[in-house]
Each structure stands twice: as structure tokens, then as C-alpha cells.
PDB file of all heavy atoms in Angstrom:
ATOM      1  N   ILE A   1      11.546 -16.169  14.669  1.00  0.00           N
ATOM      2  CA  ILE A   1      11.443 -15.413  13.429  1.00  0.00           C
ATOM      3  C   ILE A   1      12.343 -14.190  13.484  1.00  0.00           C
ATOM      4  O   ILE A   1      12.713 -13.724  14.560  1.00  0.00           O
ATOM      5  CB  ILE A   1       9.989 -14.991  13.134  1.00  0.00           C
ATOM      6  CG1 ILE A   1       9.444 -14.102  14.256  1.00  0.00           C
ATOM      7  CG2 ILE A   1       9.107 -16.191  12.930  1.00  0.00           C
ATOM      8  CD1 ILE A   1       8.052 -13.591  13.996  1.00  0.00           C
ATOM      9  N   SER A   2      12.695 -13.667  12.322  1.00  0.00           N
ATOM     10  CA  SER A   2      13.540 -12.489  12.224  1.00  0.00           C
ATOM     11  C   SER A   2      12.672 -11.256  12.035  1.00  0.00           C
ATOM     12  O   SER A   2      11.466 -11.354  11.778  1.00  0.00           O
ATOM     13  CB  SER A   2      14.494 -12.625  11.040  1.00  0.00           C
ATOM     14  OG  SER A   2      13.769 -12.611   9.824  1.00  0.00           O
ATOM     15  N   LEU A   3      13.284 -10.079  12.139  1.00  0.00           N
ATOM     16  CA  LEU A   3      12.545  -8.851  11.873  1.00  0.00           C
ATOM     17  C   LEU A   3      12.071  -8.806  10.432  1.00  0.00           C
ATOM     18  O   LEU A   3      10.982  -8.293  10.136  1.00  0.00           O
ATOM     19  CB  LEU A   3      13.414  -7.631  12.174  1.00  0.00           C
ATOM     20  CG  LEU A   3      13.720  -7.364  13.651  1.00  0.00           C
ATOM     21  CD1 LEU A   3      14.554  -6.108  13.795  1.00  0.00           C
ATOM     22  CD2 LEU A   3      12.437  -7.248  14.464  1.00  0.00           C
ATOM     23  N   ASP A   4      12.881  -9.333   9.500  1.00  0.00           N
ATOM     24  CA  ASP A   4      12.462  -9.385   8.102  1.00  0.00           C
ATOM     25  C   ASP A   4      11.179 -10.187   7.946  1.00  0.00           C
ATOM     26  O   ASP A   4      10.247  -9.780   7.250  1.00  0.00           O
ATOM     27  CB  ASP A   4      13.562 -10.000   7.236  1.00  0.00           C
ATOM     28  CG  ASP A   4      14.699  -9.037   6.984  1.00  0.00           C
ATOM     29  OD1 ASP A   4      14.588  -7.872   7.423  1.00  0.00           O
ATOM     30  OD2 ASP A   4      15.692  -9.433   6.351  1.00  0.00           O
ATOM     31  N   GLU A   5      11.136 -11.341   8.602  1.00  0.00           N
ATOM     32  CA  GLU A   5       9.935 -12.181   8.531  1.00  0.00           C
ATOM     33  C   GLU A   5       8.762 -11.477   9.195  1.00  0.00           C
ATOM     34  O   GLU A   5       7.625 -11.543   8.717  1.00  0.00           O
ATOM     35  CB  GLU A   5      10.195 -13.524   9.199  1.00  0.00           C
ATOM     36  CG  GLU A   5      11.192 -14.405   8.465  1.00  0.00           C
ATOM     37  CD  GLU A   5      11.561 -15.646   9.252  1.00  0.00           C
ATOM     38  OE1 GLU A   5      12.150 -15.498  10.349  1.00  0.00           O
ATOM     39  OE2 GLU A   5      11.257 -16.745   8.785  1.00  0.00           O
ATOM     40  N   LEU A   6       9.027 -10.809  10.318  1.00  0.00           N
ATOM     41  CA  LEU A   6       7.979 -10.100  11.026  1.00  0.00           C
ATOM     42  C   LEU A   6       7.365  -9.017  10.159  1.00  0.00           C
ATOM     43  O   LEU A   6       6.153  -8.793  10.160  1.00  0.00           O
ATOM     44  CB  LEU A   6       8.546  -9.481  12.308  1.00  0.00           C
ATOM     45  CG  LEU A   6       7.556  -8.707  13.190  1.00  0.00           C
ATOM     46  CD1 LEU A   6       6.522  -9.646  13.770  1.00  0.00           C
ATOM     47  CD2 LEU A   6       8.294  -7.972  14.297  1.00  0.00           C
ATOM     48  N   LEU A   7       8.214  -8.337   9.389  1.00  0.00           N
ATOM     49  CA  LEU A   7       7.746  -7.250   8.535  1.00  0.00           C
ATOM     50  C   LEU A   7       7.287  -7.736   7.165  1.00  0.00           C
ATOM     51  O   LEU A   7       6.872  -6.941   6.324  1.00  0.00           O
ATOM     52  CB  LEU A   7       8.861  -6.213   8.363  1.00  0.00           C
ATOM     53  CG  LEU A   7       9.271  -5.483   9.652  1.00  0.00           C
ATOM     54  CD1 LEU A   7      10.535  -4.680   9.432  1.00  0.00           C
ATOM     55  CD2 LEU A   7       8.148  -4.589  10.132  1.00  0.00           C
ATOM     56  N   GLY A   8       7.413  -9.042   6.905  1.00  0.00           N
ATOM     57  CA  GLY A   8       7.008  -9.574   5.613  1.00  0.00           C
ATOM     58  C   GLY A   8       7.961  -9.213   4.511  1.00  0.00           C
ATOM     59  O   GLY A   8       7.566  -9.112   3.349  1.00  0.00           O
ATOM     60  N   ILE A   9       9.253  -9.021   4.847  1.00  0.00           N
ATOM     61  CA  ILE A   9      10.233  -8.575   3.873  1.00  0.00           C
ATOM     62  C   ILE A   9      11.033  -9.756   3.359  1.00  0.00           C
ATOM     63  O   ILE A   9      11.532 -10.573   4.126  1.00  0.00           O
ATOM     64  CB  ILE A   9      11.207  -7.550   4.489  1.00  0.00           C
ATOM     65  CG1 ILE A   9      10.428  -6.312   4.925  1.00  0.00           C
ATOM     66  CG2 ILE A   9      12.302  -7.170   3.509  1.00  0.00           C
ATOM     67  CD1 ILE A   9      11.254  -5.353   5.740  1.00  0.00           C
ATOM     68  N   SER A  10      11.171  -9.837   2.041  1.00  0.00           N
ATOM     69  CA  SER A  10      12.090 -10.776   1.424  1.00  0.00           C
ATOM     70  C   SER A  10      13.074  -9.965   0.608  1.00  0.00           C
ATOM     71  O   SER A  10      12.902  -8.771   0.415  1.00  0.00           O
ATOM     72  CB  SER A  10      11.337 -11.774   0.524  1.00  0.00           C
ATOM     73  OG  SER A  10      10.645 -11.084  -0.482  1.00  0.00           O
ATOM     74  N   VAL A  11      14.139 -10.593   0.143  1.00  0.00           N
ATOM     75  CA  VAL A  11      15.112  -9.861  -0.661  1.00  0.00           C
ATOM     76  C   VAL A  11      14.425  -9.391  -1.933  1.00  0.00           C
ATOM     77  O   VAL A  11      13.885 -10.183  -2.692  1.00  0.00           O
ATOM     78  CB  VAL A  11      16.322 -10.749  -1.000  1.00  0.00           C
ATOM     79  CG1 VAL A  11      17.267 -10.007  -1.928  1.00  0.00           C
ATOM     80  CG2 VAL A  11      17.039 -11.159   0.262  1.00  0.00           C
ATOM     81  N   GLY A  12      14.434  -8.102  -2.165  1.00  0.00           N
ATOM     82  CA  GLY A  12      13.766  -7.528  -3.320  1.00  0.00           C
ATOM     83  C   GLY A  12      12.456  -6.902  -2.925  1.00  0.00           C
ATOM     84  O   GLY A  12      12.433  -5.771  -2.508  1.00  0.00           O
ATOM     85  N   GLN A  13      11.357  -7.655  -2.946  1.00  0.00           N
ATOM     86  CA  GLN A  13      10.037  -7.094  -2.674  1.00  0.00           C
ATOM     87  C   GLN A  13       9.391  -7.850  -1.532  1.00  0.00           C
ATOM     88  O   GLN A  13       9.450  -9.068  -1.453  1.00  0.00           O
ATOM     89  CB  GLN A  13       9.154  -7.224  -3.920  1.00  0.00           C
ATOM     90  CG  GLN A  13       7.728  -6.739  -3.722  1.00  0.00           C
ATOM     91  CD  GLN A  13       7.588  -5.263  -3.997  1.00  0.00           C
ATOM     92  OE1 GLN A  13       8.429  -4.666  -4.652  1.00  0.00           O
ATOM     93  NE2 GLN A  13       6.522  -4.672  -3.499  1.00  0.00           N
ATOM     94  N   ALA A  14       8.769  -7.111  -0.632  1.00  0.00           N
ATOM     95  CA  ALA A  14       8.087  -7.742   0.487  1.00  0.00           C
ATOM     96  C   ALA A  14       6.786  -8.363   0.019  1.00  0.00           C
ATOM     97  O   ALA A  14       6.133  -7.870  -0.891  1.00  0.00           O
ATOM     98  CB  ALA A  14       7.806  -6.713   1.577  1.00  0.00           C
ATOM     99  N   GLU A  15       6.407  -9.447   0.702  1.00  0.00           N
ATOM    100  CA  GLU A  15       5.136 -10.084   0.420  1.00  0.00           C
ATOM    101  C   GLU A  15       4.092  -9.521   1.376  1.00  0.00           C
ATOM    102  O   GLU A  15       4.358  -9.360   2.561  1.00  0.00           O
ATOM    103  CB  GLU A  15       5.253 -11.605   0.627  1.00  0.00           C
ATOM    104  CG  GLU A  15       6.162 -12.292  -0.380  1.00  0.00           C
ATOM    105  CD  GLU A  15       5.629 -12.216  -1.795  1.00  0.00           C
ATOM    106  OE1 GLU A  15       4.390 -12.160  -1.951  1.00  0.00           O
ATOM    107  OE2 GLU A  15       6.425 -12.200  -2.732  1.00  0.00           O
ATOM    108  N   PRO A  16       2.898  -9.203   0.918  1.00  0.00           N
ATOM    109  CA  PRO A  16       1.876  -8.657   1.819  1.00  0.00           C
ATOM    110  C   PRO A  16       1.413  -9.703   2.811  1.00  0.00           C
ATOM    111  O   PRO A  16       1.374 -10.901   2.522  1.00  0.00           O
ATOM    112  CB  PRO A  16       0.742  -8.267   0.860  1.00  0.00           C
ATOM    113  CG  PRO A  16       0.945  -9.123  -0.342  1.00  0.00           C
ATOM    114  CD  PRO A  16       2.432  -9.324  -0.467  1.00  0.00           C
ATOM    115  N   VAL A  17       1.067  -9.249   4.002  1.00  0.00           N
ATOM    116  CA  VAL A  17       0.520 -10.139   5.018  1.00  0.00           C
ATOM    117  C   VAL A  17      -0.877 -10.560   4.602  1.00  0.00           C
ATOM    118  O   VAL A  17      -1.648  -9.757   4.066  1.00  0.00           O
ATOM    119  CB  VAL A  17       0.479  -9.416   6.390  1.00  0.00           C
ATOM    120  CG1 VAL A  17      -0.234 -10.271   7.432  1.00  0.00           C
ATOM    121  CG2 VAL A  17       1.891  -9.088   6.837  1.00  0.00           C
ATOM    122  N   ALA A  18      -1.228 -11.816   4.862  1.00  0.00           N
ATOM    123  CA  ALA A  18      -2.522 -12.338   4.460  1.00  0.00           C
ATOM    124  C   ALA A  18      -3.641 -11.466   5.022  1.00  0.00           C
ATOM    125  O   ALA A  18      -3.629 -11.093   6.190  1.00  0.00           O
ATOM    126  CB  ALA A  18      -2.677 -13.779   4.944  1.00  0.00           C
ATOM    127  N   GLY A  19      -4.607 -11.151   4.192  1.00  0.00           N
ATOM    128  CA  GLY A  19      -5.744 -10.361   4.628  1.00  0.00           C
ATOM    129  C   GLY A  19      -5.620  -8.894   4.347  1.00  0.00           C
ATOM    130  O   GLY A  19      -6.589  -8.139   4.462  1.00  0.00           O
ATOM    131  N   GLU A  20      -4.436  -8.411   3.988  1.00  0.00           N
ATOM    132  CA  GLU A  20      -4.264  -7.005   3.677  1.00  0.00           C
ATOM    133  C   GLU A  20      -4.641  -6.745   2.216  1.00  0.00           C
ATOM    134  O   GLU A  20      -4.498  -7.631   1.360  1.00  0.00           O
ATOM    135  CB  GLU A  20      -2.819  -6.562   3.900  1.00  0.00           C
ATOM    136  CG  GLU A  20      -2.432  -6.451   5.355  1.00  0.00           C
ATOM    137  CD  GLU A  20      -1.129  -5.691   5.525  1.00  0.00           C
ATOM    138  OE1 GLU A  20      -0.415  -5.546   4.528  1.00  0.00           O
ATOM    139  OE2 GLU A  20      -0.844  -5.254   6.635  1.00  0.00           O
ATOM    140  N   PRO A  21      -5.116  -5.556   1.894  1.00  0.00           N
ATOM    141  CA  PRO A  21      -5.470  -5.241   0.503  1.00  0.00           C
ATOM    142  C   PRO A  21      -4.268  -5.398  -0.408  1.00  0.00           C
ATOM    143  O   PRO A  21      -3.165  -4.974  -0.082  1.00  0.00           O
ATOM    144  CB  PRO A  21      -5.915  -3.774   0.593  1.00  0.00           C
ATOM    145  CG  PRO A  21      -6.304  -3.561   2.023  1.00  0.00           C
ATOM    146  CD  PRO A  21      -5.400  -4.466   2.808  1.00  0.00           C
ATOM    147  N   ALA A  22      -4.482  -6.001  -1.558  1.00  0.00           N
ATOM    148  CA  ALA A  22      -3.381  -6.261  -2.484  1.00  0.00           C
ATOM    149  C   ALA A  22      -2.787  -4.974  -3.023  1.00  0.00           C
ATOM    150  O   ALA A  22      -1.616  -4.919  -3.370  1.00  0.00           O
ATOM    151  CB  ALA A  22      -3.880  -7.137  -3.645  1.00  0.00           C
ATOM    152  N   GLU A  23      -3.630  -3.898  -3.089  1.00  0.00           N
ATOM    153  CA  GLU A  23      -3.127  -2.664  -3.686  1.00  0.00           C
ATOM    154  C   GLU A  23      -2.269  -1.854  -2.738  1.00  0.00           C
ATOM    155  O   GLU A  23      -1.657  -0.872  -3.122  1.00  0.00           O
ATOM    156  CB  GLU A  23      -4.302  -1.798  -4.162  1.00  0.00           C
ATOM    157  CG  GLU A  23      -5.198  -1.263  -3.053  1.00  0.00           C
ATOM    158  CD  GLU A  23      -6.296  -2.242  -2.693  1.00  0.00           C
ATOM    159  OE1 GLU A  23      -6.228  -3.400  -3.178  1.00  0.00           O
ATOM    160  OE2 GLU A  23      -7.236  -1.860  -1.967  1.00  0.00           O
ATOM    161  N   ARG A  24      -2.219  -2.235  -1.422  1.00  0.00           N
ATOM    162  CA  ARG A  24      -1.436  -1.466  -0.477  1.00  0.00           C
ATOM    163  C   ARG A  24       0.044  -1.562  -0.803  1.00  0.00           C
ATOM    164  O   ARG A  24       0.574  -2.656  -0.986  1.00  0.00           O
ATOM    165  CB  ARG A  24      -1.672  -1.978   0.945  1.00  0.00           C
ATOM    166  CG  ARG A  24      -0.767  -1.279   1.952  1.00  0.00           C
ATOM    167  CD  ARG A  24      -1.076  -1.715   3.353  1.00  0.00           C
ATOM    168  NE  ARG A  24      -0.122  -1.089   4.268  1.00  0.00           N
ATOM    169  CZ  ARG A  24      -0.249  -1.093   5.577  1.00  0.00           C
ATOM    170  NH1 ARG A  24      -1.277  -1.691   6.128  1.00  0.00           N
ATOM    171  NH2 ARG A  24       0.643  -0.527   6.354  1.00  0.00           N
ATOM    172  N   PRO A  25       0.756  -0.435  -0.876  1.00  0.00           N
ATOM    173  CA  PRO A  25       2.189  -0.487  -1.173  1.00  0.00           C
ATOM    174  C   PRO A  25       2.964  -1.135  -0.045  1.00  0.00           C
ATOM    175  O   PRO A  25       2.629  -0.956   1.120  1.00  0.00           O
ATOM    176  CB  PRO A  25       2.577   0.996  -1.324  1.00  0.00           C
ATOM    177  CG  PRO A  25       1.548   1.730  -0.533  1.00  0.00           C
ATOM    178  CD  PRO A  25       0.277   0.938  -0.689  1.00  0.00           C
ATOM    179  N   VAL A  26       3.955  -1.924  -0.388  1.00  0.00           N
ATOM    180  CA  VAL A  26       4.802  -2.567   0.605  1.00  0.00           C
ATOM    181  C   VAL A  26       6.231  -2.106   0.372  1.00  0.00           C
ATOM    182  O   VAL A  26       6.625  -1.773  -0.742  1.00  0.00           O
ATOM    183  CB  VAL A  26       4.728  -4.110   0.505  1.00  0.00           C
ATOM    184  CG1 VAL A  26       3.352  -4.582   0.920  1.00  0.00           C
ATOM    185  CG2 VAL A  26       5.029  -4.574  -0.910  1.00  0.00           C
ATOM    186  N   PRO A  27       7.056  -2.049   1.444  1.00  0.00           N
ATOM    187  CA  PRO A  27       8.409  -1.514   1.298  1.00  0.00           C
ATOM    188  C   PRO A  27       9.297  -2.432   0.490  1.00  0.00           C
ATOM    189  O   PRO A  27       9.149  -3.650   0.505  1.00  0.00           O
ATOM    190  CB  PRO A  27       8.898  -1.418   2.753  1.00  0.00           C
ATOM    191  CG  PRO A  27       8.104  -2.455   3.480  1.00  0.00           C
ATOM    192  CD  PRO A  27       6.772  -2.480   2.814  1.00  0.00           C
ATOM    193  N   ARG A  28      10.243  -1.837  -0.209  1.00  0.00           N
ATOM    194  CA  ARG A  28      11.233  -2.593  -0.958  1.00  0.00           C
ATOM    195  C   ARG A  28      12.544  -2.559  -0.202  1.00  0.00           C
ATOM    196  O   ARG A  28      12.946  -1.531   0.308  1.00  0.00           O
ATOM    197  CB  ARG A  28      11.430  -1.993  -2.351  1.00  0.00           C
ATOM    198  CG  ARG A  28      10.219  -2.087  -3.248  1.00  0.00           C
ATOM    199  CD  ARG A  28      10.562  -1.570  -4.631  1.00  0.00           C
ATOM    200  NE  ARG A  28      11.624  -2.351  -5.248  1.00  0.00           N
ATOM    201  CZ  ARG A  28      11.439  -3.466  -5.936  1.00  0.00           C
ATOM    202  NH1 ARG A  28      10.234  -3.944  -6.078  1.00  0.00           N
ATOM    203  NH2 ARG A  28      12.440  -4.107  -6.484  1.00  0.00           N
ATOM    204  N   VAL A  29      13.178  -3.706  -0.106  1.00  0.00           N
ATOM    205  CA  VAL A  29      14.507  -3.777   0.493  1.00  0.00           C
ATOM    206  C   VAL A  29      15.450  -4.293  -0.573  1.00  0.00           C
ATOM    207  O   VAL A  29      15.498  -5.485  -0.858  1.00  0.00           O
ATOM    208  CB  VAL A  29      14.529  -4.708   1.727  1.00  0.00           C
ATOM    209  CG1 VAL A  29      15.924  -4.767   2.307  1.00  0.00           C
ATOM    210  CG2 VAL A  29      13.551  -4.204   2.768  1.00  0.00           C
ATOM    211  N   PRO A  30      16.201  -3.397  -1.243  1.00  0.00           N
ATOM    212  CA  PRO A  30      17.038  -3.806  -2.357  1.00  0.00           C
ATOM    213  C   PRO A  30      18.084  -4.819  -1.934  1.00  0.00           C
ATOM    214  O   PRO A  30      18.533  -4.850  -0.794  1.00  0.00           O
ATOM    215  CB  PRO A  30      17.696  -2.492  -2.798  1.00  0.00           C
ATOM    216  CG  PRO A  30      16.830  -1.410  -2.235  1.00  0.00           C
ATOM    217  CD  PRO A  30      16.277  -1.967  -0.967  1.00  0.00           C
ATOM    218  N   SER A  31      18.465  -5.667  -2.875  1.00  0.00           N
ATOM    219  CA  SER A  31      19.499  -6.665  -2.606  1.00  0.00           C
ATOM    220  C   SER A  31      20.886  -6.083  -2.814  1.00  0.00           C
ATOM    221  O   SER A  31      21.879  -6.747  -2.546  1.00  0.00           O
ATOM    222  CB  SER A  31      19.308  -7.883  -3.528  1.00  0.00           C
ATOM    223  OG  SER A  31      19.337  -7.467  -4.889  1.00  0.00           O
ATOM    224  N   GLY A  32      20.976  -4.830  -3.282  1.00  0.00           N
ATOM    225  CA  GLY A  32      22.266  -4.209  -3.508  1.00  0.00           C
ATOM    226  C   GLY A  32      22.862  -3.615  -2.250  1.00  0.00           C
ATOM    227  O   GLY A  32      22.471  -3.933  -1.128  1.00  0.00           O
ATOM    228  N   VAL A  33      23.794  -2.690  -2.436  1.00  0.00           N
ATOM    229  CA  VAL A  33      24.549  -2.124  -1.328  1.00  0.00           C
ATOM    230  C   VAL A  33      23.750  -1.087  -0.556  1.00  0.00           C
ATOM    231  O   VAL A  33      23.816  -1.019   0.665  1.00  0.00           O
ATOM    232  CB  VAL A  33      25.851  -1.496  -1.869  1.00  0.00           C
ATOM    233  CG1 VAL A  33      26.595  -0.766  -0.755  1.00  0.00           C
ATOM    234  CG2 VAL A  33      26.745  -2.573  -2.488  1.00  0.00           C
ATOM    235  N   VAL A  34      22.965  -0.256  -1.262  1.00  0.00           N
ATOM    236  CA  VAL A  34      22.322   0.904  -0.644  1.00  0.00           C
ATOM    237  C   VAL A  34      20.850   0.622  -0.354  1.00  0.00           C
ATOM    238  O   VAL A  34      20.121   0.118  -1.202  1.00  0.00           O
ATOM    239  CB  VAL A  34      22.452   2.135  -1.549  1.00  0.00           C
ATOM    240  CG1 VAL A  34      21.689   3.323  -0.956  1.00  0.00           C
ATOM    241  CG2 VAL A  34      23.918   2.487  -1.756  1.00  0.00           C
ATOM    242  N   GLN A  35      20.433   0.982   0.851  1.00  0.00           N
ATOM    243  CA  GLN A  35      19.015   0.980   1.198  1.00  0.00           C
ATOM    244  C   GLN A  35      18.621   2.426   1.473  1.00  0.00           C
ATOM    245  O   GLN A  35      19.170   3.070   2.365  1.00  0.00           O
ATOM    246  CB  GLN A  35      18.755   0.137   2.451  1.00  0.00           C
ATOM    247  CG  GLN A  35      17.301   0.165   2.924  1.00  0.00           C
ATOM    248  CD  GLN A  35      17.059  -0.756   4.100  1.00  0.00           C
ATOM    249  OE1 GLN A  35      17.334  -1.954   4.015  1.00  0.00           O
ATOM    250  NE2 GLN A  35      16.583  -0.220   5.201  1.00  0.00           N
ATOM    251  N   ARG A  36      17.685   2.955   0.703  1.00  0.00           N
ATOM    252  CA  ARG A  36      17.280   4.338   0.832  1.00  0.00           C
ATOM    253  C   ARG A  36      16.493   4.566   2.126  1.00  0.00           C
ATOM    254  O   ARG A  36      15.761   3.697   2.587  1.00  0.00           O
ATOM    255  CB  ARG A  36      16.430   4.755  -0.364  1.00  0.00           C
ATOM    256  CG  ARG A  36      17.134   4.601  -1.706  1.00  0.00           C
ATOM    257  CD  ARG A  36      18.388   5.469  -1.793  1.00  0.00           C
ATOM    258  NE  ARG A  36      19.095   5.264  -3.058  1.00  0.00           N
ATOM    259  CZ  ARG A  36      20.273   5.815  -3.345  1.00  0.00           C
ATOM    260  NH1 ARG A  36      20.869   6.596  -2.442  1.00  0.00           N
ATOM    261  NH2 ARG A  36      20.863   5.580  -4.513  1.00  0.00           N
ATOM    262  N   ALA A  37      16.673   5.766   2.690  1.00  0.00           N
ATOM    263  CA  ALA A  37      16.005   6.098   3.951  1.00  0.00           C
ATOM    264  C   ALA A  37      14.496   5.919   3.851  1.00  0.00           C
ATOM    265  O   ALA A  37      13.839   5.459   4.797  1.00  0.00           O
ATOM    266  CB  ALA A  37      16.350   7.520   4.367  1.00  0.00           C
ATOM    267  N   ALA A  38      13.941   6.267   2.704  1.00  0.00           N
ATOM    268  CA  ALA A  38      12.494   6.155   2.517  1.00  0.00           C
ATOM    269  C   ALA A  38      12.025   4.706   2.520  1.00  0.00           C
ATOM    270  O   ALA A  38      10.830   4.434   2.703  1.00  0.00           O
ATOM    271  CB  ALA A  38      12.088   6.829   1.209  1.00  0.00           C
ATOM    272  N   ASP A  39      12.955   3.767   2.319  1.00  0.00           N
ATOM    273  CA  ASP A  39      12.599   2.344   2.278  1.00  0.00           C
ATOM    274  C   ASP A  39      12.792   1.649   3.621  1.00  0.00           C
ATOM    275  O   ASP A  39      12.543   0.441   3.733  1.00  0.00           O
ATOM    276  CB  ASP A  39      13.434   1.617   1.221  1.00  0.00           C
ATOM    277  CG  ASP A  39      13.067   2.038  -0.191  1.00  0.00           C
ATOM    278  OD1 ASP A  39      11.887   2.373  -0.410  1.00  0.00           O
ATOM    279  OD2 ASP A  39      13.958   2.040  -1.064  1.00  0.00           O
ATOM    280  N   ASN A  40      13.258   2.390   4.646  1.00  0.00           N
ATOM    281  CA  ASN A  40      13.470   1.762   5.949  1.00  0.00           C
ATOM    282  C   ASN A  40      12.139   1.315   6.545  1.00  0.00           C
ATOM    283  O   ASN A  40      11.265   2.151   6.798  1.00  0.00           O
ATOM    284  CB  ASN A  40      14.129   2.741   6.927  1.00  0.00           C
ATOM    285  CG  ASN A  40      15.563   3.057   6.582  1.00  0.00           C
ATOM    286  OD1 ASN A  40      16.174   2.388   5.754  1.00  0.00           O
ATOM    287  ND2 ASN A  40      16.112   4.079   7.221  1.00  0.00           N
TER     288      ASN A  40
END
């Protein structure tokens, strides 16, 4: 598996890991050029 898969990250919006509360915020990894520091 990759780090993206480990972190539950897909292009655009990450999918929550099974069993976690749905309302918990998950990081966004934009498909564009820039990834903001707050999204690392």
C-alpha cells in the first residue's frame, strides 16, 4: 500500500476509515498544483 492509501487519501477528498465518526474532518489533497501547508 502507499502512504495515500494508509492515510485514506484519494485525489480530491479523503475517505474516512471505517468505524470513524462521519462528522470528523478529513484532509483534502487537491488535484491541482498547490497543496497548502495546513492540508499536509
